[in-house]
Amino acid sequence: MNSLNELYKTHLATLQHRARQVLAANHLDALLIHSGELLSVFLDDHHYPFKTNAHFKAWVPVTQTPNCWLWVDGVSKPRLWFYSPVDYWHKTDALPESFWTDEIDIIALRDSHTIGQQLPADRQNVAYIGPVAERAGQLGIAETNVNPQPVLDYLHFHRSFKTDYELWCMREAQKIAVAGHRAAKETFFAGQSEFEINAAYLLATGQRDTDVPYGNIVALNGNAAILHYTRLEKEAPQQPHSFLLDAGAEFNGYAADLTRTYAWDKNSLFAGLVSAVDKHEQELIGTLRAGESYVGYHLQMNQRIASILREFGIVTGLSEDALVSENITQVFMPHGVGHPLGLQVHDVAGFMQDDKGTHQAPPAQYPWLRCTRTLSAGMVLTIEPGLYFIESLLSPWREGRYSKHFNWELIDQLKACGGIRIEDNVIITGEGVENMTRDLNLA
């Protein structure tokens, strides 16, 4: 196993190669990559939590420091101006010393306003990559070179293919998230509230709410039917039925994104449904192969949802094909089967077919599917089927010619449980698939 430093050096060489390619193709001399800036709350004197520009943390694992700058030309040693002011109000970061710092030329930036004096003077053919276009203009970057689309398209497309360093970081993120999931599961079965479960998760991961890659979805009972539920009730329900946890972690800027669902009564119908979704999720993952369309796996999961609906008598009298073609499966799984994962939870380039930015939209029948790529070795994706009982989606089907096929009495009972989602993070390999989540025995 290569050392982390060796993995990073190879990763950096890959990024340098990509930089050379994109700079030459766009007649540019360098990329100026900005970590970002703090954003103040309106009419207040404090800031929103800082999130680093993903393009920046692709190069260096600096994830909590604003006002940093990278100069990259694809040939010279990348140069990092690291913001480290003298400040007695706040804790400031010392210049980093870690496995990666020998590969980067690091310069202390004591005053963020002086960056223009420290950058190379000739910036006529430099592209700014970052979130503050105004700052780019102040530095003399031409408007056409602020986040130029051809540059972003190239970088985004190739970011889909993870280096060994990136995969190492993502496996580490999995370990952190799995520790949190185990603590949260234990807290649920101890009868605690959503708020308390979330606290247990964060304690086990050693991450704050502002550190995790997205707001934790900690949903008990009917709240599990709200796909992005983040309210966190402070009182436990008098009678718990179900628990859905969609929560991740970060390591060196790379995300894990895991979901599990549990039934309070392990002998209940809902527990059987959880087992069925889990079984079909794992079987679908077993079919993943490089060279296949991600869209096909979404279609396959709809067929599997149809079989579950029939097996448990939730919908009767219709074939699996009819349940899919008539969009009945979408009532119960109203989201895509997953998405790309990496420096961002919903990583870029899910619809991009080449590094020129050619876009392939999802099928009209499934407009919320987040990926239409052909799978290739090195891609990392989530697989996260769900089965929910959401009244706003069910309501239109309570009338009409298909109403008689829905077991409304059973559905109304299951609404108390909200729904089910099972999510693993997988790496596409030349031989098949590596399931990073199951490799850690997360039940």
Protein backbone atom coordinates (compact mmCIF):
# COMPACT_ATOMS: atom_id res chain seq x y z
CA MET A 1 0.00 0.00 0.00
CA ASN A 2 1.44 3.36 -1.02
CA SER A 3 1.87 5.98 1.69
CA LEU A 4 -0.59 8.85 1.83
CA ASN A 5 2.13 11.19 0.62
CA GLU A 6 2.77 9.00 -2.43
CA LEU A 7 -0.97 8.78 -3.17
CA TYR A 8 -1.20 12.55 -2.94
CA LYS A 9 1.82 13.10 -5.19
CA THR A 10 0.26 10.91 -7.86
CA HIS A 11 -3.07 12.71 -7.39
CA LEU A 12 -1.33 16.06 -7.81
CA ALA A 13 0.38 14.85 -10.98
CA THR A 14 -3.04 13.92 -12.37
CA LEU A 15 -4.42 17.37 -11.56
CA GLN A 16 -1.38 19.03 -13.10
CA HIS A 17 -1.90 17.02 -16.29
CA ARG A 18 -5.56 18.08 -16.42
CA ALA A 19 -4.53 21.69 -15.84
CA ARG A 20 -2.05 21.59 -18.73
CA GLN A 21 -4.69 20.15 -21.01
CA VAL A 22 -7.41 22.65 -20.16
CA LEU A 23 -5.07 25.65 -20.19
CA ALA A 24 -3.71 24.76 -23.62
CA ALA A 25 -7.16 24.11 -25.06
CA ASN A 26 -8.41 27.51 -23.86
CA HIS A 27 -5.24 29.55 -24.55
CA LEU A 28 -4.73 30.36 -20.89
CA ASP A 29 -1.58 30.71 -18.82
CA ALA A 30 -2.84 29.72 -15.37
CA LEU A 31 -5.78 29.03 -13.11
CA LEU A 32 -6.33 31.22 -10.05
CA ILE A 33 -8.44 29.12 -7.68
CA HIS A 34 -10.10 30.84 -4.73
CA SER A 35 -11.11 28.97 -1.57
CA GLY A 36 -13.94 31.46 -1.07
CA GLU A 37 -14.92 34.11 1.44
CA LEU A 38 -17.06 34.40 4.54
CA LEU A 39 -20.60 35.58 3.88
CA SER A 40 -22.06 37.92 6.49
CA VAL A 41 -25.59 37.51 7.79
CA PHE A 42 -27.72 40.41 6.57
CA LEU A 43 -27.51 43.40 8.94
CA ASP A 44 -25.50 41.40 11.47
CA ASP A 45 -21.88 41.01 12.53
CA HIS A 46 -21.40 37.26 12.17
CA HIS A 47 -21.07 34.90 9.22
CA TYR A 48 -22.72 31.88 7.72
CA PRO A 49 -20.76 28.61 8.04
CA PHE A 50 -17.95 28.54 5.51
CA LYS A 51 -17.83 25.93 2.77
CA THR A 52 -14.71 25.69 0.63
CA ASN A 53 -14.85 25.88 -3.16
CA ALA A 54 -14.70 22.26 -4.35
CA HIS A 55 -12.17 23.13 -7.07
CA PHE A 56 -9.85 24.44 -4.38
CA LYS A 57 -10.03 21.45 -2.06
CA ALA A 58 -9.43 19.13 -5.01
CA TRP A 59 -5.84 20.41 -4.95
CA VAL A 60 -5.20 20.82 -1.22
CA PRO A 61 -7.07 19.45 1.81
CA VAL A 62 -7.75 22.93 3.21
CA THR A 63 -11.44 22.86 4.05
CA GLN A 64 -12.12 25.51 6.70
CA THR A 65 -9.98 28.50 5.75
CA PRO A 66 -11.42 31.34 3.63
CA ASN A 67 -9.42 33.87 1.62
CA CYS A 68 -6.88 31.35 0.32
CA TRP A 69 -5.63 31.34 -3.27
CA LEU A 70 -3.99 28.77 -5.53
CA TRP A 71 -1.97 29.59 -8.63
CA VAL A 72 -1.75 26.63 -10.99
CA ASP A 73 -0.09 26.53 -14.39
CA GLY A 74 0.22 22.76 -14.81
CA VAL A 75 4.01 22.85 -14.88
CA SER A 76 5.38 24.75 -11.89
CA LYS A 77 4.85 23.74 -8.29
CA PRO A 78 1.37 24.98 -7.34
CA ARG A 79 1.54 28.10 -5.21
CA LEU A 80 -0.80 28.53 -2.23
CA TRP A 81 -1.41 31.83 -0.48
CA PHE A 82 -2.71 30.60 2.86
CA TYR A 83 -4.75 33.08 4.88
CA SER A 84 -3.24 33.33 8.35
CA PRO A 85 -3.86 36.81 9.77
CA VAL A 86 -2.85 38.27 13.12
CA ASP A 87 -6.21 38.35 14.90
CA TYR A 88 -6.96 38.35 18.62
CA TRP A 89 -10.73 38.04 18.06
CA HIS A 90 -10.61 34.68 16.32
CA LYS A 91 -8.42 31.61 16.23
CA THR A 92 -6.40 31.71 13.05
CA ASP A 93 -4.74 28.85 11.23
CA ALA A 94 -0.99 28.43 11.26
CA LEU A 95 0.69 27.49 8.00
CA PRO A 96 -0.11 23.82 7.43
CA GLU A 97 2.47 21.09 7.83
CA SER A 98 1.19 17.73 6.65
CA PHE A 99 1.61 14.89 4.16
CA TRP A 100 0.89 17.24 1.24
CA THR A 101 2.68 20.45 2.10
CA ASP A 102 6.09 19.56 0.57
CA GLU A 103 4.40 19.39 -2.82
CA ILE A 104 2.95 22.92 -2.63
CA ASP A 105 4.72 26.29 -2.39
CA ILE A 106 2.96 27.86 0.62
CA ILE A 107 3.02 31.58 1.38
CA ALA A 108 1.40 33.24 4.40
CA LEU A 109 -1.28 35.77 3.52
CA ARG A 110 -1.61 38.03 6.55
CA ASP A 111 -4.03 40.51 5.00
CA SER A 112 -6.62 39.30 2.51
CA HIS A 113 -6.69 42.70 0.83
CA THR A 114 -3.04 42.41 -0.25
CA ILE A 115 -3.43 39.33 -2.45
CA GLY A 116 -3.32 41.46 -5.59
CA GLN A 117 0.15 42.67 -4.63
CA GLN A 118 1.44 39.13 -4.18
CA LEU A 119 0.03 37.39 -7.25
CA PRO A 120 2.05 37.30 -10.48
CA ALA A 121 1.57 40.65 -12.19
CA ASP A 122 0.55 39.33 -15.61
CA ARG A 123 -3.02 38.11 -15.21
CA GLN A 124 -4.32 38.83 -18.69
CA ASN A 125 -4.64 35.16 -19.62
CA VAL A 126 -5.58 33.78 -16.21
CA ALA A 127 -8.90 32.11 -15.41
CA TYR A 128 -10.48 32.73 -12.01
CA ILE A 129 -12.20 29.65 -10.55
CA GLY A 130 -14.26 30.53 -7.52
CA PRO A 131 -17.43 31.97 -6.00
CA VAL A 132 -16.69 35.74 -5.88
CA ALA A 133 -16.73 37.23 -9.38
CA GLU A 134 -16.37 40.73 -7.91
CA ARG A 135 -13.03 39.78 -6.38
CA ALA A 136 -11.80 38.45 -9.72
CA GLY A 137 -12.62 41.77 -11.35
CA GLN A 138 -10.69 43.65 -8.69
CA LEU A 139 -7.68 41.49 -9.49
CA GLY A 140 -7.81 42.38 -13.15
CA ILE A 141 -9.26 39.11 -14.39
CA ALA A 142 -11.23 39.62 -17.60
CA GLU A 143 -14.94 38.93 -17.23
CA THR A 144 -14.72 36.25 -19.93
CA ASN A 145 -12.13 34.45 -17.80
CA VAL A 146 -14.27 34.30 -14.65
CA ASN A 147 -15.37 30.66 -14.31
CA PRO A 148 -15.23 30.12 -18.09
CA GLN A 149 -17.66 27.37 -19.01
CA PRO A 150 -15.28 25.36 -21.27
CA VAL A 151 -12.77 25.20 -18.40
CA LEU A 152 -15.42 24.15 -15.87
CA ASP A 153 -16.84 21.55 -18.25
CA TYR A 154 -13.43 19.93 -18.70
CA LEU A 155 -12.59 19.97 -14.99
CA HIS A 156 -16.01 18.71 -13.95
CA PHE A 157 -16.08 15.83 -16.41
CA HIS A 158 -12.66 14.53 -15.40
CA ARG A 159 -13.38 15.03 -11.70
CA SER A 160 -15.76 12.09 -12.04
CA PHE A 161 -12.76 9.75 -12.29
CA LYS A 162 -11.29 9.53 -8.82
CA THR A 163 -7.60 9.12 -8.16
CA ASP A 164 -6.35 6.56 -5.64
CA TYR A 165 -5.79 9.40 -3.16
CA GLU A 166 -9.40 10.51 -3.54
CA LEU A 167 -10.69 6.98 -3.07
CA TRP A 168 -8.56 6.65 0.06
CA CYS A 169 -10.11 9.83 1.46
CA MET A 170 -13.61 8.64 0.60
CA ARG A 171 -13.06 5.33 2.37
CA GLU A 172 -11.93 7.28 5.43
CA ALA A 173 -15.10 9.40 5.25
CA GLN A 174 -17.11 6.16 5.18
CA LYS A 175 -15.48 5.00 8.42
CA ILE A 176 -16.43 8.23 10.17
CA ALA A 177 -20.02 8.13 8.92
CA VAL A 178 -20.46 4.46 9.81
CA ALA A 179 -19.40 5.19 13.40
CA GLY A 180 -22.09 7.86 13.52
CA HIS A 181 -24.74 5.58 12.05
CA ARG A 182 -24.04 2.90 14.62
CA ALA A 183 -24.32 5.40 17.48
CA ALA A 184 -27.54 6.84 16.04
CA LYS A 185 -29.12 3.40 15.68
CA GLU A 186 -28.33 2.59 19.30
CA THR A 187 -29.81 5.91 20.41
CA PHE A 188 -33.01 5.28 18.43
CA PHE A 189 -33.55 1.89 20.03
CA ALA A 190 -32.99 3.56 23.42
CA GLY A 191 -36.13 5.58 22.71
CA GLN A 192 -34.54 8.98 22.23
CA SER A 193 -35.69 11.97 20.16
CA GLU A 194 -34.51 13.11 16.73
CA PHE A 195 -32.52 15.91 18.38
CA GLU A 196 -30.81 13.47 20.74
CA ILE A 197 -30.10 10.99 17.94
CA ASN A 198 -28.47 13.74 15.90
CA ALA A 199 -26.33 14.75 18.88
CA ALA A 200 -25.20 11.14 19.30
CA TYR A 201 -24.32 10.97 15.61
CA LEU A 202 -22.20 14.12 15.73
CA LEU A 203 -20.45 13.03 18.93
CA ALA A 204 -19.54 9.67 17.41
CA THR A 205 -18.21 11.25 14.21
CA GLY A 206 -16.35 14.06 15.94
CA GLN A 207 -17.95 16.50 13.50
CA ARG A 208 -20.19 19.51 14.07
CA ASP A 209 -23.37 20.34 12.20
CA THR A 210 -21.27 22.77 10.17
CA ASP A 211 -18.66 20.10 9.36
CA VAL A 212 -20.86 17.36 7.92
CA PRO A 213 -21.35 17.59 4.15
CA TYR A 214 -25.12 18.19 4.36
CA GLY A 215 -27.78 18.64 7.01
CA ASN A 216 -28.39 15.31 8.70
CA ILE A 217 -31.80 13.80 7.96
CA VAL A 218 -32.89 12.25 11.26
CA ALA A 219 -36.52 11.24 10.84
CA LEU A 220 -38.78 9.27 13.17
CA ASN A 221 -42.13 7.81 12.16
CA GLY A 222 -44.04 9.87 9.58
CA ASN A 223 -41.22 12.38 9.23
CA ALA A 224 -39.39 9.77 7.15
CA ALA A 225 -41.83 10.55 4.33
CA ILE A 226 -40.24 14.03 3.99
CA LEU A 227 -37.28 13.37 1.73
CA HIS A 228 -35.10 16.22 3.02
CA TYR A 229 -36.42 16.42 6.57
CA THR A 230 -34.06 18.40 8.86
CA ARG A 231 -36.36 19.80 11.56
CA LEU A 232 -35.19 17.57 14.49
CA GLU A 233 -37.99 17.29 17.01
CA LYS A 234 -36.78 17.49 20.60
CA GLU A 235 -39.45 15.20 22.04
CA ALA A 236 -39.47 11.49 21.30
CA PRO A 237 -42.76 10.12 19.93
CA GLN A 238 -44.94 8.28 22.41
CA GLN A 239 -44.86 5.26 20.12
CA PRO A 240 -41.85 4.93 17.82
CA HIS A 241 -42.46 3.01 14.62
CA SER A 242 -39.52 3.76 12.35
CA PHE A 243 -36.23 5.62 12.02
CA LEU A 244 -34.63 6.89 8.81
CA LEU A 245 -31.10 8.31 9.01
CA ASP A 246 -29.51 9.95 5.98
CA ALA A 247 -26.22 11.35 7.25
CA GLY A 248 -22.64 11.59 6.08
CA ALA A 249 -19.19 12.82 6.97
CA GLU A 250 -16.19 14.49 5.35
CA PHE A 251 -12.53 13.61 5.25
CA ASN A 252 -10.05 15.98 3.58
CA GLY A 253 -13.02 17.56 1.83
CA TYR A 254 -14.46 14.31 0.41
CA ALA A 255 -17.96 13.21 1.35
CA ALA A 256 -19.71 10.08 2.51
CA ASP A 257 -23.50 9.94 2.09
CA LEU A 258 -25.20 6.98 3.80
CA THR A 259 -28.79 6.10 4.62
CA ARG A 260 -30.35 3.39 6.75
CA THR A 261 -33.92 2.72 7.90
CA TYR A 262 -34.97 0.72 10.96
CA ALA A 263 -38.27 -0.64 12.24
CA TRP A 264 -38.96 -0.39 15.98
CA ASP A 265 -40.88 -3.68 15.86
CA LYS A 266 -38.54 -6.10 14.14
CA ASN A 267 -41.41 -8.51 13.44
CA SER A 268 -43.68 -5.95 11.81
CA LEU A 269 -44.78 -5.64 8.19
CA PHE A 270 -42.68 -2.48 7.96
CA ALA A 271 -39.61 -4.42 9.08
CA GLY A 272 -40.27 -6.87 6.26
CA LEU A 273 -40.45 -3.99 3.79
CA VAL A 274 -37.14 -2.60 5.07
CA SER A 275 -35.53 -6.00 4.53
CA ALA A 276 -36.98 -6.23 1.03
CA VAL A 277 -35.68 -2.80 -0.02
CA ASP A 278 -32.29 -3.64 1.50
CA LYS A 279 -32.16 -6.95 -0.38
CA HIS A 280 -33.06 -5.39 -3.72
CA GLU A 281 -30.60 -2.52 -3.19
CA GLN A 282 -27.75 -4.97 -2.67
CA GLU A 283 -28.81 -7.08 -5.64
CA LEU A 284 -28.92 -4.01 -7.88
CA ILE A 285 -25.42 -3.01 -6.75
CA GLY A 286 -24.26 -6.49 -7.69
CA THR A 287 -25.26 -5.78 -11.31
CA LEU A 288 -23.31 -2.51 -11.66
CA ARG A 289 -20.75 -2.64 -14.47
CA ALA A 290 -18.52 -0.19 -16.30
CA GLY A 291 -19.87 0.56 -19.76
CA GLU A 292 -23.52 0.52 -18.69
CA SER A 293 -25.84 3.52 -18.46
CA TYR A 294 -26.76 4.73 -15.00
CA VAL A 295 -30.26 5.37 -16.33
CA GLY A 296 -30.68 1.64 -16.84
CA TYR A 297 -30.09 1.01 -13.15
CA HIS A 298 -32.81 3.49 -12.23
CA LEU A 299 -35.19 1.62 -14.53
CA GLN A 300 -34.11 -1.67 -12.99
CA MET A 301 -34.84 -0.34 -9.50
CA ASN A 302 -38.33 0.69 -10.56
CA GLN A 303 -38.93 -2.91 -11.64
CA ARG A 304 -37.69 -4.05 -8.25
CA ILE A 305 -39.98 -1.60 -6.44
CA ALA A 306 -42.85 -2.98 -8.50
CA SER A 307 -42.05 -6.49 -7.33
CA ILE A 308 -42.01 -5.32 -3.68
CA LEU A 309 -45.36 -3.58 -4.08
CA ARG A 310 -46.88 -6.77 -5.45
CA GLU A 311 -45.16 -9.09 -2.96
CA PHE A 312 -46.49 -7.17 0.06
CA GLY A 313 -49.93 -6.56 -1.40
CA ILE A 314 -49.55 -2.79 -1.42
CA VAL A 315 -50.72 -2.69 -5.04
CA THR A 316 -52.57 -5.65 -6.53
CA GLY A 317 -53.98 -6.79 -9.84
CA LEU A 318 -51.34 -5.16 -12.03
CA SER A 319 -48.17 -6.60 -13.54
CA GLU A 320 -44.72 -5.26 -12.64
CA ASP A 321 -44.40 -3.82 -16.14
CA ALA A 322 -47.71 -2.01 -15.78
CA LEU A 323 -46.71 -0.57 -12.41
CA VAL A 324 -43.61 0.92 -14.04
CA SER A 325 -45.15 2.06 -17.32
CA GLU A 326 -48.14 3.70 -15.61
CA ASN A 327 -45.79 5.57 -13.24
CA ILE A 328 -47.20 3.90 -10.13
CA THR A 329 -43.73 2.96 -8.86
CA GLN A 330 -42.85 6.67 -8.88
CA VAL A 331 -45.56 7.32 -6.32
CA PHE A 332 -43.56 5.17 -3.91
CA MET A 333 -40.02 6.06 -5.09
CA PRO A 334 -40.22 9.71 -6.19
CA HIS A 335 -36.48 10.31 -6.60
CA GLY A 336 -33.54 8.95 -8.54
CA VAL A 337 -31.70 5.82 -7.57
CA GLY A 338 -28.60 7.85 -6.72
CA HIS A 339 -26.03 10.39 -7.86
CA PRO A 340 -22.30 11.01 -8.31
CA LEU A 341 -20.35 11.56 -5.08
CA GLY A 342 -17.01 13.16 -4.31
CA LEU A 343 -15.91 16.64 -3.30
CA GLN A 344 -19.61 17.47 -3.23
CA VAL A 345 -22.46 15.28 -2.06
CA HIS A 346 -24.31 15.75 -5.34
CA ASP A 347 -21.12 15.84 -7.33
CA VAL A 348 -20.80 17.61 -10.66
CA ALA A 349 -21.10 16.25 -14.20
CA GLY A 350 -23.92 13.80 -13.59
CA PHE A 351 -25.43 14.66 -16.99
CA MET A 352 -22.19 15.39 -18.86
CA GLN A 353 -21.31 12.97 -21.65
CA ASP A 354 -17.86 14.37 -22.53
CA ASP A 355 -15.43 17.05 -21.43
CA LYS A 356 -16.95 19.51 -23.90
CA GLY A 357 -20.05 19.67 -21.71
CA THR A 358 -22.43 17.66 -23.89
CA HIS A 359 -25.58 17.35 -21.78
CA GLN A 360 -27.88 14.35 -21.65
CA ALA A 361 -31.04 15.14 -19.72
CA PRO A 362 -32.78 12.47 -17.64
CA PRO A 363 -35.71 10.65 -19.26
CA ALA A 364 -38.89 12.72 -19.32
CA GLN A 365 -40.52 10.07 -17.13
CA TYR A 366 -37.86 10.55 -14.42
CA PRO A 367 -36.96 14.27 -14.44
CA TRP A 368 -35.37 14.20 -10.97
CA LEU A 369 -32.78 11.53 -11.82
CA ARG A 370 -29.37 13.10 -11.11
CA CYS A 371 -27.14 11.03 -13.40
CA THR A 372 -27.26 9.92 -17.04
CA ARG A 373 -23.60 8.95 -17.37
CA THR A 374 -22.17 5.75 -18.75
CA LEU A 375 -20.39 4.11 -15.84
CA SER A 376 -16.59 4.02 -15.97
CA ALA A 377 -13.88 2.71 -13.66
CA GLY A 378 -13.02 5.25 -10.99
CA MET A 379 -16.50 6.73 -10.67
CA VAL A 380 -18.07 6.92 -7.22
CA LEU A 381 -21.85 6.91 -6.91
CA THR A 382 -24.60 6.44 -4.41
CA ILE A 383 -27.24 3.76 -4.79
CA GLU A 384 -30.23 4.78 -2.69
CA PRO A 385 -33.62 3.32 -3.55
CA GLY A 386 -36.59 4.24 -1.43
CA LEU A 387 -40.16 3.26 -0.77
CA TYR A 388 -42.34 5.93 0.87
CA PHE A 389 -45.94 6.60 1.84
CA ILE A 390 -46.38 10.29 0.99
CA GLU A 391 -49.97 11.50 1.04
CA SER A 392 -49.43 14.37 -1.41
CA LEU A 393 -48.28 11.81 -4.00
CA LEU A 394 -50.84 9.16 -3.08
CA SER A 395 -53.82 11.50 -3.02
CA PRO A 396 -54.30 11.85 -6.81
CA TRP A 397 -54.46 8.05 -7.10
CA ARG A 398 -57.28 7.67 -4.57
CA GLU A 399 -59.67 8.32 -7.44
CA GLY A 400 -59.65 7.01 -11.00
CA ARG A 401 -59.32 3.67 -12.70
CA TYR A 402 -56.24 2.51 -10.79
CA SER A 403 -57.57 3.34 -7.31
CA LYS A 404 -59.01 -0.16 -6.87
CA HIS A 405 -55.51 -1.65 -7.23
CA PHE A 406 -54.12 0.24 -4.21
CA ASN A 407 -54.54 -1.41 -0.82
CA TRP A 408 -55.57 1.83 0.87
CA GLU A 409 -56.12 0.31 4.30
CA LEU A 410 -52.59 -1.10 4.35
CA ILE A 411 -51.09 2.08 2.88
CA ASP A 412 -52.77 4.23 5.52
CA GLN A 413 -51.33 2.00 8.23
CA LEU A 414 -47.84 2.26 6.75
CA LYS A 415 -48.03 6.06 6.54
CA ALA A 416 -47.28 6.10 10.27
CA CYS A 417 -43.81 4.78 9.38
CA GLY A 418 -43.15 7.41 6.71
CA GLY A 419 -40.89 5.48 4.41
CA ILE A 420 -37.68 3.60 3.71
CA ARG A 421 -34.39 4.57 2.11
CA ILE A 422 -31.23 2.44 1.96
CA GLU A 423 -28.07 4.05 0.61
CA ASP A 424 -24.57 2.74 -0.03
CA ASN A 425 -21.57 4.43 -1.66
CA VAL A 426 -19.89 2.42 -4.40
CA ILE A 427 -16.80 2.62 -6.59
CA ILE A 428 -17.02 1.38 -10.17
CA THR A 429 -13.98 -0.77 -10.95
CA GLY A 430 -12.69 -2.58 -13.99
CA GLU A 431 -13.96 -5.84 -12.50
CA GLY A 432 -17.32 -4.69 -11.17
CA VAL A 433 -18.01 -2.67 -8.05
CA GLU A 434 -16.57 -1.98 -4.60
CA ASN A 435 -19.21 -1.24 -1.98
CA MET A 436 -17.35 0.96 0.48
CA THR A 437 -20.29 1.00 2.89
CA ARG A 438 -21.01 -2.72 3.11
CA ASP A 439 -17.30 -3.42 3.38
CA LEU A 440 -17.55 -1.77 6.80
CA ASN A 441 -20.45 -4.07 7.80
CA LEU A 442 -23.03 -1.33 8.26
CA ALA A 443 -26.27 -3.25 8.71
